[in-house]
C-alpha atoms as a PDB file:
ATOM      1  CA  UNK A   1     127.777  81.432  82.697  1.00  0.00           C
ATOM      2  CA  UNK A   2     129.160  77.954  81.843  1.00  0.00           C
ATOM      3  CA  UNK A   3     128.339  77.097  78.202  1.00  0.00           C
ATOM      4  CA  UNK A   4     126.214  73.984  77.514  1.00  0.00           C
ATOM      5  CA  UNK A   5     127.225  71.795  74.721  1.00  0.00           C
ATOM      6  CA  UNK A   6     125.840  72.567  71.346  1.00  0.00           C
ATOM      7  CA  UNK A   7     125.173  68.795  70.978  1.00  0.00           C
ATOM      8  CA  UNK A   8     122.124  69.184  73.016  1.00  0.00           C
ATOM      9  CA  UNK A   9     119.857  70.303  70.180  1.00  0.00           C
ATOM     10  CA  UNK A  10     116.613  69.721  71.823  1.00  0.00           C
ATOM     11  CA  UNK A  11     117.152  72.034  74.694  1.00  0.00           C
ATOM     12  CA  UNK A  12     118.701  74.637  72.416  1.00  0.00           C
ATOM     13  CA  UNK A  13     115.888  74.629  69.895  1.00  0.00           C
ATOM     14  CA  UNK A  14     113.280  74.992  72.696  1.00  0.00           C
ATOM     15  CA  UNK A  15     115.049  78.093  73.980  1.00  0.00           C
ATOM     16  CA  UNK A  16     115.479  79.172  70.205  1.00  0.00           C
ATOM     17  CA  UNK A  17     111.825  79.027  69.592  1.00  0.00           C
ATOM     18  CA  UNK A  18     111.067  80.855  72.782  1.00  0.00           C
ATOM     19  CA  UNK A  19     113.161  83.817  71.572  1.00  0.00           C
ATOM     20  CA  UNK A  20     111.481  84.098  68.265  1.00  0.00           C
ATOM     21  CA  UNK A  21     108.602  86.803  68.051  1.00  0.00           C
ATOM     22  CA  UNK A  22     105.466  86.814  66.202  1.00  0.00           C
ATOM     23  CA  UNK A  23     105.194  88.645  62.891  1.00  0.00           C
ATOM     24  CA  UNK A  24     105.357  91.725  62.365  1.00  0.00           C
ATOM     25  CA  UNK A  25     108.106  91.734  65.054  1.00  0.00           C
ATOM     26  CA  UNK A  26     111.209  89.986  64.022  1.00  0.00           C
ATOM     27  CA  UNK A  27     114.734  89.045  65.312  1.00  0.00           C
ATOM     28  CA  UNK A  28     117.963  88.587  63.340  1.00  0.00           C
ATOM     29  CA  UNK A  29     119.935  85.514  63.382  1.00  0.00           C
ATOM     30  CA  UNK A  30     122.947  87.506  65.074  1.00  0.00           C
ATOM     31  CA  UNK A  31     120.487  88.642  67.782  1.00  0.00           C
ATOM     32  CA  UNK A  32     119.451  84.984  68.273  1.00  0.00           C
ATOM     33  CA  UNK A  33     122.882  83.599  68.339  1.00  0.00           C
ATOM     34  CA  UNK A  34     123.818  86.345  71.017  1.00  0.00           C
ATOM     35  CA  UNK A  35     120.732  85.449  72.990  1.00  0.00           C
ATOM     36  CA  UNK A  36     121.541  81.655  72.874  1.00  0.00           C
ATOM     37  CA  UNK A  37     125.171  82.442  74.110  1.00  0.00           C
ATOM     38  CA  UNK A  38     123.562  84.347  76.988  1.00  0.00           C
ATOM     39  CA  UNK A  39     121.531  81.097  77.669  1.00  0.00           C
ATOM     40  CA  UNK A  40     124.597  79.101  77.731  1.00  0.00           C
ATOM     41  CA  UNK A  41     124.642  77.654  74.065  1.00  0.00           C
ATOM     42  CA  UNK A  42     127.647  77.934  71.893  1.00  0.00           C
ATOM     43  CA  UNK A  43     126.487  77.993  68.277  1.00  0.00           C
ATOM     44  CA  UNK A  44     127.860  79.749  65.119  1.00  0.00           C
ATOM     45  CA  UNK A  45     125.728  81.666  62.526  1.00  0.00           C
ATOM     46  CA  UNK A  46     125.909  78.965  59.811  1.00  0.00           C
ATOM     47  CA  UNK A  47     124.641  76.188  62.151  1.00  0.00           C
ATOM     48  CA  UNK A  48     121.824  78.456  63.489  1.00  0.00           C
ATOM     49  CA  UNK A  49     120.664  79.388  60.035  1.00  0.00           C
ATOM     50  CA  UNK A  50     120.623  75.743  59.048  1.00  0.00           C
ATOM     51  CA  UNK A  51     118.594  74.927  62.113  1.00  0.00           C
ATOM     52  CA  UNK A  52     116.015  77.590  61.448  1.00  0.00           C
ATOM     53  CA  UNK A  53     115.864  76.888  57.477  1.00  0.00           C
ATOM     54  CA  UNK A  54     115.617  73.047  58.027  1.00  0.00           C
ATOM     55  CA  UNK A  55     113.560  71.079  60.622  1.00  0.00           C
ATOM     56  CA  UNK A  56     112.348  73.940  62.579  1.00  0.00           C
ATOM     57  CA  UNK A  57     110.741  75.625  59.622  1.00  0.00           C
ATOM     58  CA  UNK A  58     109.256  72.353  58.725  1.00  0.00           C
ATOM     59  CA  UNK A  59     107.625  71.777  61.986  1.00  0.00           C
ATOM     60  CA  UNK A  60     106.636  75.317  63.018  1.00  0.00           C
ATOM     61  CA  UNK A  61     105.158  78.361  61.207  1.00  0.00           C
ATOM     62  CA  UNK A  62     108.375  80.321  60.867  1.00  0.00           C
ATOM     63  CA  UNK A  63     108.848  83.268  58.489  1.00  0.00           C
ATOM     64  CA  UNK A  64     112.133  84.392  57.058  1.00  0.00           C
ATOM     65  CA  UNK A  65     112.806  87.877  55.704  1.00  0.00           C
ATOM     66  CA  UNK A  66     114.251  86.130  52.698  1.00  0.00           C
ATOM     67  CA  UNK A  67     110.710  85.074  51.562  1.00  0.00           C
ATOM     68  CA  UNK A  68     109.195  88.568  52.116  1.00  0.00           C
ATOM     69  CA  UNK A  69     107.150  90.071  49.428  1.00  0.00           C
ATOM     70  CA  UNK A  70     109.146  93.211  49.790  1.00  0.00           C
ATOM     71  CA  UNK A  71     112.304  93.195  47.877  1.00  0.00           C
ATOM     72  CA  UNK A  72     113.886  95.564  50.348  1.00  0.00           C
ATOM     73  CA  UNK A  73     113.171  93.314  53.303  1.00  0.00           C
ATOM     74  CA  UNK A  74     114.439  90.333  51.167  1.00  0.00           C
ATOM     75  CA  UNK A  75     117.942  91.896  50.713  1.00  0.00           C
ATOM     76  CA  UNK A  76     118.312  92.377  54.531  1.00  0.00           C
ATOM     77  CA  UNK A  77     121.477  90.679  56.151  1.00  0.00           C
ATOM     78  CA  UNK A  78     121.487  88.873  58.442  1.00  0.00           C
ATOM     79  CA  UNK A  79     118.110  87.249  57.948  1.00  0.00           C
ATOM     80  CA  UNK A  80     115.307  87.929  60.187  1.00  0.00           C
ATOM     81  CA  UNK A  81     112.849  85.591  61.648  1.00  0.00           C
ATOM     82  CA  UNK A  82     109.309  85.582  63.025  1.00  0.00           C
ATOM     83  CA  UNK A  83     106.499  83.350  63.703  1.00  0.00           C
ATOM     84  CA  UNK A  84     103.651  83.651  61.287  1.00  0.00           C
ATOM     85  CA  UNK A  85     100.885  86.141  62.534  1.00  0.00           C
ATOM     86  CA  UNK A  86      98.508  83.519  63.405  1.00  0.00           C
ATOM     87  CA  UNK A  87     100.839  80.799  64.462  1.00  0.00           C
ATOM     88  CA  UNK A  88     100.522  78.925  67.740  1.00  0.00           C
ATOM     89  CA  UNK A  89     103.983  79.455  69.445  1.00  0.00           C
ATOM     90  CA  UNK A  90     103.611  77.227  72.401  1.00  0.00           C
ATOM     91  CA  UNK A  91     105.109  73.723  71.931  1.00  0.00           C
ATOM     92  CA  UNK A  92     102.988  71.854  74.451  1.00  0.00           C
ATOM     93  CA  UNK A  93      99.135  71.634  73.539  1.00  0.00           C
ATOM     94  CA  UNK A  94      96.852  73.017  75.951  1.00  0.00           C
ATOM     95  CA  UNK A  95      94.825  70.754  78.172  1.00  0.00           C
ATOM     96  CA  UNK A  96      91.083  71.050  78.655  1.00  0.00           C
ATOM     97  CA  UNK A  97      91.260  72.446  82.050  1.00  0.00           C
ATOM     98  CA  UNK A  98      93.815  75.055  81.016  1.00  0.00           C
ATOM     99  CA  UNK A  99      91.754  75.946  77.949  1.00  0.00           C
ATOM    100  CA  UNK A 100      88.696  76.664  80.313  1.00  0.00           C
ATOM    101  CA  UNK A 101      91.043  78.823  82.635  1.00  0.00           C
ATOM    102  CA  UNK A 102      92.204  80.631  79.449  1.00  0.00           C
ATOM    103  CA  UNK A 103      88.535  81.432  78.346  1.00  0.00           C
ATOM    104  CA  UNK A 104      87.873  82.854  81.698  1.00  0.00           C
ATOM    105  CA  UNK A 105      91.276  84.846  81.685  1.00  0.00           C
ATOM    106  CA  UNK A 106      90.265  86.431  78.429  1.00  0.00           C
ATOM    107  CA  UNK A 107      86.998  87.561  79.864  1.00  0.00           C
ATOM    108  CA  UNK A 108      88.816  89.162  82.738  1.00  0.00           C
ATOM    109  CA  UNK A 109      91.538  90.544  80.713  1.00  0.00           C
ATOM    110  CA  UNK A 110      89.203  92.434  78.327  1.00  0.00           C
ATOM    111  CA  UNK A 111      88.219  94.860  81.150  1.00  0.00           C
ATOM    112  CA  UNK A 112      91.994  95.686  82.132  1.00  0.00           C
ATOM    113  CA  UNK A 113      94.108  95.458  78.845  1.00  0.00           C
ATOM    114  CA  UNK A 114      94.003  97.540  75.708  1.00  0.00           C
ATOM    115  CA  UNK A 115      92.951  95.638  72.584  1.00  0.00           C
ATOM    116  CA  UNK A 116      96.406  95.962  71.094  1.00  0.00           C
ATOM    117  CA  UNK A 117      97.811  93.849  73.927  1.00  0.00           C
ATOM    118  CA  UNK A 118      94.942  91.327  73.787  1.00  0.00           C
ATOM    119  CA  UNK A 119      95.723  90.865  70.097  1.00  0.00           C
ATOM    120  CA  UNK A 120      99.026  89.230  71.260  1.00  0.00           C
ATOM    121  CA  UNK A 121      97.190  86.601  73.112  1.00  0.00           C
ATOM    122  CA  UNK A 122      94.701  85.913  70.384  1.00  0.00           C
ATOM    123  CA  UNK A 123      96.247  82.705  69.147  1.00  0.00           C
ATOM    124  CA  UNK A 124      96.313  81.221  72.646  1.00  0.00           C
ATOM    125  CA  UNK A 125      92.616  82.219  73.304  1.00  0.00           C
ATOM    126  CA  UNK A 126      91.644  80.784  69.805  1.00  0.00           C
ATOM    127  CA  UNK A 127      93.222  77.530  70.387  1.00  0.00           C
ATOM    128  CA  UNK A 128      91.471  77.235  73.756  1.00  0.00           C
ATOM    129  CA  UNK A 129      88.133  78.126  72.279  1.00  0.00           C
ATOM    130  CA  UNK A 130      88.597  75.770  69.675  1.00  0.00           C
ATOM    131  CA  UNK A 131      89.501  72.784  71.893  1.00  0.00           C
ATOM    132  CA  UNK A 132      86.382  73.440  74.078  1.00  0.00           C
ATOM    133  CA  UNK A 133      84.023  73.706  71.210  1.00  0.00           C
ATOM    134  CA  UNK A 134      85.287  70.347  70.031  1.00  0.00           C
ATOM    135  CA  UNK A 135      84.683  68.660  73.347  1.00  0.00           C
ATOM    136  CA  UNK A 136      80.893  68.261  73.230  1.00  0.00           C
ATOM    137  CA  UNK A 137      81.121  64.832  74.751  1.00  0.00           C
ATOM    138  CA  UNK A 138      82.495  65.983  78.182  1.00  0.00           C
ATOM    139  CA  UNK A 139      80.488  69.087  78.881  1.00  0.00           C
ATOM    140  CA  UNK A 140      83.461  71.616  78.924  1.00  0.00           C
ATOM    141  CA  UNK A 141      82.239  73.356  75.831  1.00  0.00           C
ATOM    142  CA  UNK A 142      78.936  74.133  77.756  1.00  0.00           C
ATOM    143  CA  UNK A 143      80.888  75.657  80.698  1.00  0.00           C
ATOM    144  CA  UNK A 144      82.924  78.006  78.197  1.00  0.00           C
ATOM    145  CA  UNK A 145      79.463  79.484  77.301  1.00  0.00           C
ATOM    146  CA  UNK A 146      78.133  79.567  80.767  1.00  0.00           C
ATOM    147  CA  UNK A 147      81.180  80.962  82.806  1.00  0.00           C
ATOM    148  CA  UNK A 148      81.720  84.709  82.776  1.00  0.00           C
ATOM    149  CA  UNK A 149      83.826  87.194  84.876  1.00  0.00           C
ATOM    150  CA  UNK A 150      81.509  89.817  86.247  1.00  0.00           C
ATOM    151  CA  UNK A 151      83.358  93.142  87.336  1.00  0.00           C
ATOM    152  CA  UNK A 152      82.134  94.351  90.693  1.00  0.00           C
ATOM    153  CA  UNK A 153      81.712  97.890  89.378  1.00  0.00           C
ATOM    154  CA  UNK A 154      80.984  99.479  85.885  1.00  0.00           C
ATOM    155  CA  UNK A 155      84.257  98.717  83.785  1.00  0.00           C
ATOM    156  CA  UNK A 156      85.746 101.427  81.712  1.00  0.00           C
ATOM    157  CA  UNK A 157      87.109 100.765  78.373  1.00  0.00           C
ATOM    158  CA  UNK A 158      90.885 100.322  78.413  1.00  0.00           C
ATOM    159  CA  UNK A 159      92.920 103.130  77.423  1.00  0.00           C
ATOM    160  CA  UNK A 160      94.329 102.737  73.919  1.00  0.00           C
ATOM    161  CA  UNK A 161      98.026 101.901  73.907  1.00  0.00           C
ATOM    162  CA  UNK A 162      99.968 101.881  70.552  1.00  0.00           C
ATOM    163  CA  UNK A 163     101.343  98.117  70.037  1.00  0.00           C
ATOM    164  CA  UNK A 164     104.882  99.388  69.378  1.00  0.00           C
ATOM    165  CA  UNK A 165     104.804 101.509  72.765  1.00  0.00           C
ATOM    166  CA  UNK A 166     103.670  98.326  74.700  1.00  0.00           C
ATOM    167  CA  UNK A 167     106.368  96.239  73.009  1.00  0.00           C
ATOM    168  CA  UNK A 168     109.099  98.536  73.610  1.00  0.00           C
ATOM    169  CA  UNK A 169     108.151  99.124  77.313  1.00  0.00           C
ATOM    170  CA  UNK A 170     108.072  95.453  77.798  1.00  0.00           C
ATOM    171  CA  UNK A 171     111.613  94.973  76.137  1.00  0.00           C
ATOM    172  CA  UNK A 172     113.013  97.642  78.232  1.00  0.00           C
ATOM    173  CA  UNK A 173     111.627  96.227  81.329  1.00  0.00           C
ATOM    174  CA  UNK A 174     112.552  92.763  80.748  1.00  0.00           C
ATOM    175  CA  UNK A 175     116.064  93.461  79.246  1.00  0.00           C
ATOM    176  CA  UNK A 176     116.833  95.951  81.838  1.00  0.00           C
ATOM    177  CA  UNK A 177     117.329  98.952  79.458  1.00  0.00           C
ATOM    178  CA  UNK A 178     116.887 102.696  79.699  1.00  0.00           C
ATOM    179  CA  UNK A 179     113.749 104.027  77.979  1.00  0.00           C
ATOM    180  CA  UNK A 180     113.923 107.301  76.119  1.00  0.00           C
ATOM    181  CA  UNK A 181     110.333 108.623  75.995  1.00  0.00           C
ATOM    182  CA  UNK A 182     108.217 111.633  74.970  1.00  0.00           C
ATOM    183  CA  UNK A 183     105.499 111.819  77.611  1.00  0.00           C
ATOM    184  CA  UNK A 184     102.371 113.860  77.919  1.00  0.00           C
ATOM    185  CA  UNK A 185     101.397 114.449  81.470  1.00  0.00           C
ATOM    186  CA  UNK A 186      97.879 115.281  82.595  1.00  0.00           C
ATOM    187  CA  UNK A 187      99.362 118.257  84.324  1.00  0.00           C
ATOM    188  CA  UNK A 188     101.144 119.774  81.349  1.00  0.00           C
ATOM    189  CA  UNK A 189     100.219 121.029  77.907  1.00  0.00           C
ATOM    190  CA  UNK A 190     103.386 119.937  76.057  1.00  0.00           C
ATOM    191  CA  UNK A 191     105.202 116.615  76.034  1.00  0.00           C
ATOM    192  CA  UNK A 192     108.381 116.009  77.973  1.00  0.00           C
ATOM    193  CA  UNK A 193     111.496 114.199  76.975  1.00  0.00           C
ATOM    194  CA  UNK A 194     112.366 111.674  79.652  1.00  0.00           C
ATOM    195  CA  UNK A 195     115.014 109.037  80.069  1.00  0.00           C
ATOM    196  CA  UNK A 196     113.346 106.370  82.310  1.00  0.00           C
ATOM    197  CA  UNK A 197     114.862 103.420  84.289  1.00  0.00           C
ATOM    198  CA  UNK A 198     112.065 101.015  84.096  1.00  0.00           C
ATOM    199  CA  UNK A 199     111.074  98.988  87.328  1.00  0.00           C
ATOM    200  CA  UNK A 200     107.722  97.571  86.949  1.00  0.00           C
ATOM    201  CA  UNK A 201     104.339  97.419  85.398  1.00  0.00           C
ATOM    202  CA  UNK A 202     101.042  98.025  87.296  1.00  0.00           C
ATOM    203  CA  UNK A 203      97.546  97.586  85.875  1.00  0.00           C
ATOM    204  CA  UNK A 204      94.917  99.925  87.820  1.00  0.00           C
ATOM    205  CA  UNK A 205      91.324  99.769  86.372  1.00  0.00           C
ATOM    206  CA  UNK A 206      91.469 100.558  82.707  1.00  0.00           C
ATOM    207  CA  UNK A 207      95.002 102.067  82.780  1.00  0.00           C
ATOM    208  CA  UNK A 208      98.403 100.334  82.658  1.00  0.00           C
ATOM    209  CA  UNK A 209     101.410 102.074  84.078  1.00  0.00           C
ATOM    210  CA  UNK A 210     105.031 101.855  83.721  1.00  0.00           C
ATOM    211  CA  UNK A 211     106.784 102.435  87.053  1.00  0.00           C
ATOM    212  CA  UNK A 212     110.228 103.994  86.636  1.00  0.00           C
ATOM    213  CA  UNK A 213     112.554 106.652  87.851  1.00  0.00           C
ATOM    214  CA  UNK A 214     113.926 109.671  85.750  1.00  0.00           C
ATOM    215  CA  UNK A 215     117.503 110.141  85.071  1.00  0.00           C
ATOM    216  CA  UNK A 216     119.470 110.416  88.367  1.00  0.00           C
ATOM    217  CA  UNK A 217     116.508 110.931  90.604  1.00  0.00           C
ATOM    218  CA  UNK A 218     115.926 108.224  93.244  1.00  0.00           C
ATOM    219  CA  UNK A 219     112.073 108.341  93.644  1.00  0.00           C
ATOM    220  CA  UNK A 220     109.938 106.196  91.502  1.00  0.00           C
ATOM    221  CA  UNK A 221     106.867 107.461  89.696  1.00  0.00           C
ATOM    222  CA  UNK A 222     104.214 105.778  87.383  1.00  0.00           C
ATOM    223  CA  UNK A 223     103.603 106.837  83.700  1.00  0.00           C
ATOM    224  CA  UNK A 224     100.300 105.893  81.888  1.00  0.00           C
ATOM    225  CA  UNK A 225     101.322 103.837  78.873  1.00  0.00           C
ATOM    226  CA  UNK A 226      98.633 105.486  76.675  1.00  0.00           C
ATOM    227  CA  UNK A 227     100.302 109.033  77.298  1.00  0.00           C
ATOM    228  CA  UNK A 228     103.672 107.881  76.001  1.00  0.00           C
ATOM    229  CA  UNK A 229     103.760 109.433  72.593  1.00  0.00           C
ATOM    230  CA  UNK A 230     107.205 108.013  71.397  1.00  0.00           C
ATOM    231  CA  UNK A 231     109.709 105.605  72.835  1.00  0.00           C
ATOM    232  CA  UNK A 232     113.072 103.991  72.104  1.00  0.00           C
ATOM    233  CA  UNK A 233     115.192 101.375  73.969  1.00  0.00           C
ATOM    234  CA  UNK A 234     118.479 102.445  74.687  1.00  0.00           C
ATOM    235  CA  UNK A 235     121.718 100.388  74.972  1.00  0.00           C
ATOM    236  CA  UNK A 236     122.319 101.785  78.597  1.00  0.00           C
ATOM    237  CA  UNK A 237     121.637  99.345  81.274  1.00  0.00           C
ATOM    238  CA  UNK A 238     118.759 100.452  83.590  1.00  0.00           C
ATOM    239  CA  UNK A 239     119.256 100.795  87.291  1.00  0.00           C
ATOM    240  CA  UNK A 240     116.154  99.992  89.323  1.00  0.00           C
ATOM    241  CA  UNK A 241     117.948 100.766  92.674  1.00  0.00           C
ATOM    242  CA  UNK A 242     116.658  97.536  94.090  1.00  0.00           C
ATOM    243  CA  UNK A 243     112.963  98.418  93.389  1.00  0.00           C
ATOM    244  CA  UNK A 244     110.343  96.363  95.435  1.00  0.00           C
ATOM    245  CA  UNK A 245     106.819  96.433  94.161  1.00  0.00           C
ATOM    246  CA  UNK A 246     104.917  95.667  97.329  1.00  0.00           C
ATOM    247  CA  UNK A 247     106.702  98.488  99.159  1.00  0.00           C
ATOM    248  CA  UNK A 248     106.027 100.833  96.337  1.00  0.00           C
ATOM    249  CA  UNK A 249     102.272  99.907  96.425  1.00  0.00           C
ATOM    250  CA  UNK A 250     102.232 100.490 100.198  1.00  0.00           C
ATOM    251  CA  UNK A 251     103.594 103.997  99.839  1.00  0.00           C
ATOM    252  CA  UNK A 252     100.195 105.352  98.484  1.00  0.00           C
ATOM    253  CA  UNK A 253     101.597 105.743  95.179  1.00  0.00           C
ATOM    254  CA  UNK A 254      98.317 105.197  93.295  1.00  0.00           C
ATOM    255  CA  UNK A 255      95.941 106.192  96.010  1.00  0.00           C
ATOM    256  CA  UNK A 256      96.648 109.314  97.990  1.00  0.00           C
ATOM    257  CA  UNK A 257      96.397 108.772 101.779  1.00  0.00           C
ATOM    258  CA  UNK A 258      95.254 111.264 104.585  1.00  0.00           C
ATOM    259  CA  UNK A 259      97.261 109.634 107.308  1.00  0.00           C
ATOM    260  CA  UNK A 260     100.012 107.153 107.798  1.00  0.00           C
ATOM    261  CA  UNK A 261      99.231 103.508 108.731  1.00  0.00           C
ATOM    262  CA  UNK A 262      95.503 102.460 109.358  1.00  0.00           C
ATOM    263  CA  UNK A 263      92.701 104.156 111.220  1.00  0.00           C
ATOM    264  CA  UNK A 264      89.627 102.663 112.938  1.00  0.00           C
ATOM    265  CA  UNK A 265      86.533 103.216 110.764  1.00  0.00           C
ATOM    266  CA  UNK A 266      83.392 103.367 113.145  1.00  0.00           C
ATOM    267  CA  UNK A 267      80.186 103.417 111.081  1.00  0.00           C
ATOM    268  CA  UNK A 268      76.541 102.316 111.179  1.00  0.00           C
ATOM    269  CA  UNK A 269      75.549 100.188 108.191  1.00  0.00           C
ATOM    270  CA  UNK A 270      72.352  98.996 106.543  1.00  0.00           C
ATOM    271  CA  UNK A 271      71.323  95.350 106.926  1.00  0.00           C
ATOM    272  CA  UNK A 272      72.056  94.510 103.336  1.00  0.00           C
ATOM    273  CA  UNK A 273      75.562  96.144 103.416  1.00  0.00           C
ATOM    274  CA  UNK A 274      76.139  94.250 106.937  1.00  0.00           C
ATOM    275  CA  UNK A 275      75.268  90.892 105.270  1.00  0.00           C
ATOM    276  CA  UNK A 276      77.718  91.900 102.397  1.00  0.00           C
ATOM    277  CA  UNK A 277      80.449  92.683 104.799  1.00  0.00           C
ATOM    278  CA  UNK A 278      79.762  89.672 106.959  1.00  0.00           C
ATOM    279  CA  UNK A 279      80.501  87.645 103.764  1.00  0.00           C
ATOM    280  CA  UNK A 280      83.290  89.614 102.445  1.00  0.00           C
ATOM    281  CA  UNK A 281      85.104  91.789 105.137  1.00  0.00           C
ATOM    282  CA  UNK A 282      86.828  95.054 104.609  1.00  0.00           C
ATOM    283  CA  UNK A 283      89.776  93.695 106.585  1.00  0.00           C
ATOM    284  CA  UNK A 284      90.888  91.078 109.022  1.00  0.00           C
ATOM    285  CA  UNK A 285      89.540  91.788 112.576  1.00  0.00           C
ATOM    286  CA  UNK A 286      86.323  93.535 111.304  1.00  0.00           C
ATOM    287  CA  UNK A 287      83.382  93.558 113.822  1.00  0.00           C
ATOM    288  CA  UNK A 288      79.680  93.800 113.238  1.00  0.00           C
ATOM    289  CA  UNK A 289      77.271  94.324 116.227  1.00  0.00           C
ATOM    290  CA  UNK A 290      73.537  94.729 116.310  1.00  0.00           C
ATOM    291  CA  UNK A 291      72.235  98.137 117.339  1.00  0.00           C
ATOM    292  CA  UNK A 292      69.604  98.108 119.946  1.00  0.00           C
ATOM    293  CA  UNK A 293      66.202  99.129 118.583  1.00  0.00           C
ATOM    294  CA  UNK A 294      67.334  99.146 115.064  1.00  0.00           C
ATOM    295  CA  UNK A 295      67.866  96.619 112.055  1.00  0.00           C
ATOM    296  CA  UNK A 296      71.071  98.453 111.210  1.00  0.00           C
ATOM    297  CA  UNK A 297      74.556  97.232 112.600  1.00  0.00           C
ATOM    298  CA  UNK A 298      77.600  98.992 114.117  1.00  0.00           C
ATOM    299  CA  UNK A 299      80.808  98.405 112.127  1.00  0.00           C
ATOM    300  CA  UNK A 300      84.363  98.764 113.434  1.00  0.00           C
ATOM    301  CA  UNK A 301      87.402  97.736 111.263  1.00  0.00           C
ATOM    302  CA  UNK A 302      90.881  99.053 110.656  1.00  0.00           C
ATOM    303  CA  UNK A 303      91.297 100.544 107.300  1.00  0.00           C
ATOM    304  CA  UNK A 304      93.787 102.833 105.267  1.00  0.00           C
ATOM    305  CA  UNK A 305      92.593 106.375 105.234  1.00  0.00           C
ATOM    306  CA  UNK A 306      92.904 106.713 101.537  1.00  0.00           C
ATOM    307  CA  UNK A 307      91.025 107.969  98.463  1.00  0.00           C
ATOM    308  CA  UNK A 308      90.065 104.343  97.621  1.00  0.00           C
ATOM    309  CA  UNK A 309      88.218 104.162 101.062  1.00  0.00           C
ATOM    310  CA  UNK A 310      86.391 107.347 100.432  1.00  0.00           C
ATOM    311  CA  UNK A 311      85.375 106.077  96.979  1.00  0.00           C
ATOM    312  CA  UNK A 312      84.008 102.873  98.562  1.00  0.00           C
ATOM    313  CA  UNK A 313      82.027 104.820 101.287  1.00  0.00           C
ATOM    314  CA  UNK A 314      80.474 107.119  98.753  1.00  0.00           C
ATOM    315  CA  UNK A 315      79.553 104.285  96.523  1.00  0.00           C
ATOM    316  CA  UNK A 316      77.461 102.852  99.543  1.00  0.00           C
ATOM    317  CA  UNK A 317      75.484 106.098  99.534  1.00  0.00           C
ATOM    318  CA  UNK A 318      72.502 105.742 101.937  1.00  0.00           C
ATOM    319  CA  UNK A 319      73.597 102.475 103.242  1.00  0.00           C
ATOM    320  CA  UNK A 320      76.319 103.724 105.573  1.00  0.00           C
ATOM    321  CA  UNK A 321      76.732 106.590 108.115  1.00  0.00           C
ATOM    322  CA  UNK A 322      80.328 107.270 109.201  1.00  0.00           C
ATOM    323  CA  UNK A 323      80.735 108.149 112.923  1.00  0.00           C
ATOM    324  CA  UNK A 324      84.484 108.083 113.252  1.00  0.00           C
ATOM    325  CA  UNK A 325      87.164 109.398 112.709  1.00  0.00           C
ATOM    326  CA  UNK A 326      85.564 112.721 112.528  1.00  0.00           C
ATOM    327  CA  UNK A 327      87.840 113.908 109.857  1.00  0.00           C
ATOM    328  CA  UNK A 328      86.690 111.228 107.588  1.00  0.00           C
ATOM    329  CA  UNK A 329      83.274 111.853 108.515  1.00  0.00           C
ATOM    330  CA  UNK A 330      83.674 115.622 107.459  1.00  0.00           C
ATOM    331  CA  UNK A 331      85.172 114.718 104.256  1.00  0.00           C
ATOM    332  CA  UNK A 332      82.331 112.352 103.185  1.00  0.00           C
ATOM    333  CA  UNK A 333      79.729 115.164 104.354  1.00  0.00           C
ATOM    334  CA  UNK A 334      81.292 117.666 102.187  1.00  0.00           C
ATOM    335  CA  UNK A 335      81.387 115.221  99.183  1.00  0.00           C
ATOM    336  CA  UNK A 336      77.660 114.298  99.752  1.00  0.00           C
ATOM    337  CA  UNK A 337      76.592 117.908 100.202  1.00  0.00           C
ATOM    338  CA  UNK A 338      78.263 118.867  96.960  1.00  0.00           C
ATOM    339  CA  UNK A 339      76.692 116.159  95.022  1.00  0.00           C
ATOM    340  CA  UNK A 340      73.278 116.931  96.310  1.00  0.00           C
ATOM    341  CA  UNK A 341      73.800 120.611  95.518  1.00  0.00           C
ATOM    342  CA  UNK A 342      74.485 119.560  91.955  1.00  0.00           C
ATOM    343  CA  UNK A 343      71.080 117.815  91.719  1.00  0.00           C
ATOM    344  CA  UNK A 344      68.923 120.562  93.239  1.00  0.00           C
ATOM    345  CA  UNK A 345      66.041 121.401  90.759  1.00  0.00           C
ATOM    346  CA  UNK A 346      66.366 124.928  89.317  1.00  0.00           C
ATOM    347  CA  UNK A 347      64.137 126.762  86.878  1.00  0.00           C
ATOM    348  CA  UNK A 348      65.459 126.670  83.297  1.00  0.00           C
END
């Protein structure tokens, strides 16, 4: 990469501020210099320290290890830098429209991200709420109190992820570094030591997964972040083997399939369900036809024959009758009969 002139202080300082983490995380001046070099800025440690200690510390809430209450931290060399824990780290101020979007995003993210991760976004959420509350004259503050994200199903509480685990997973993924983890699988009683090549992150319901391959193996698997007991970021560069997220998700990685491709679902549906499906179809090409002599409707649609489809059908309970494919009909019948048997009244 060609080096940009260090006489371009505005561009350099904008990049510099983006590199500094929020307390209690920190980054040394040496790490900052190397990161700036990678971004194309040639600057020595003395000039970098002068920039940080001077105007940047005056304009932004920067914390230096030389001012820490712990004497051992004050003695650290080179110095380490952070944004104050409650500092707003984005340089541009948020607009009213963006503030409203942020409040809605916060409502949504509370159902899928653990509290430790949401804490990282609190300064942005707080800024948005403060802006909307101060804008009584334009009605946006009223919207922030009236708009809510309503989950379509009963949301589970997000699995608890240790902040350091999340931070190191993100570091390894974004920096392309191998992760050494101690992982407790649901199928095993003791943790396993794994060297992972991170490739992606996926949030599914209340759980966030790291997608990675182990050692020299080619196949990718997903690992629940809350089951990672310990983790360290290695210097070794990770090899994601050209990982492609859409292809991985289509491979039924998260939802086991009973057949390849799609299958035609033929069912009879209650009028209330038919109304809902007419507004929000299961898939493109879905057909609904009236059944003569009945208020129910006939449904035909191409769907994936996976566990999520079975879960959806079971959730409709008495509002749907599967006709074809027969294999799906039989699986649904077994599940319904088992559930009914569990509710049979017996003498206690």
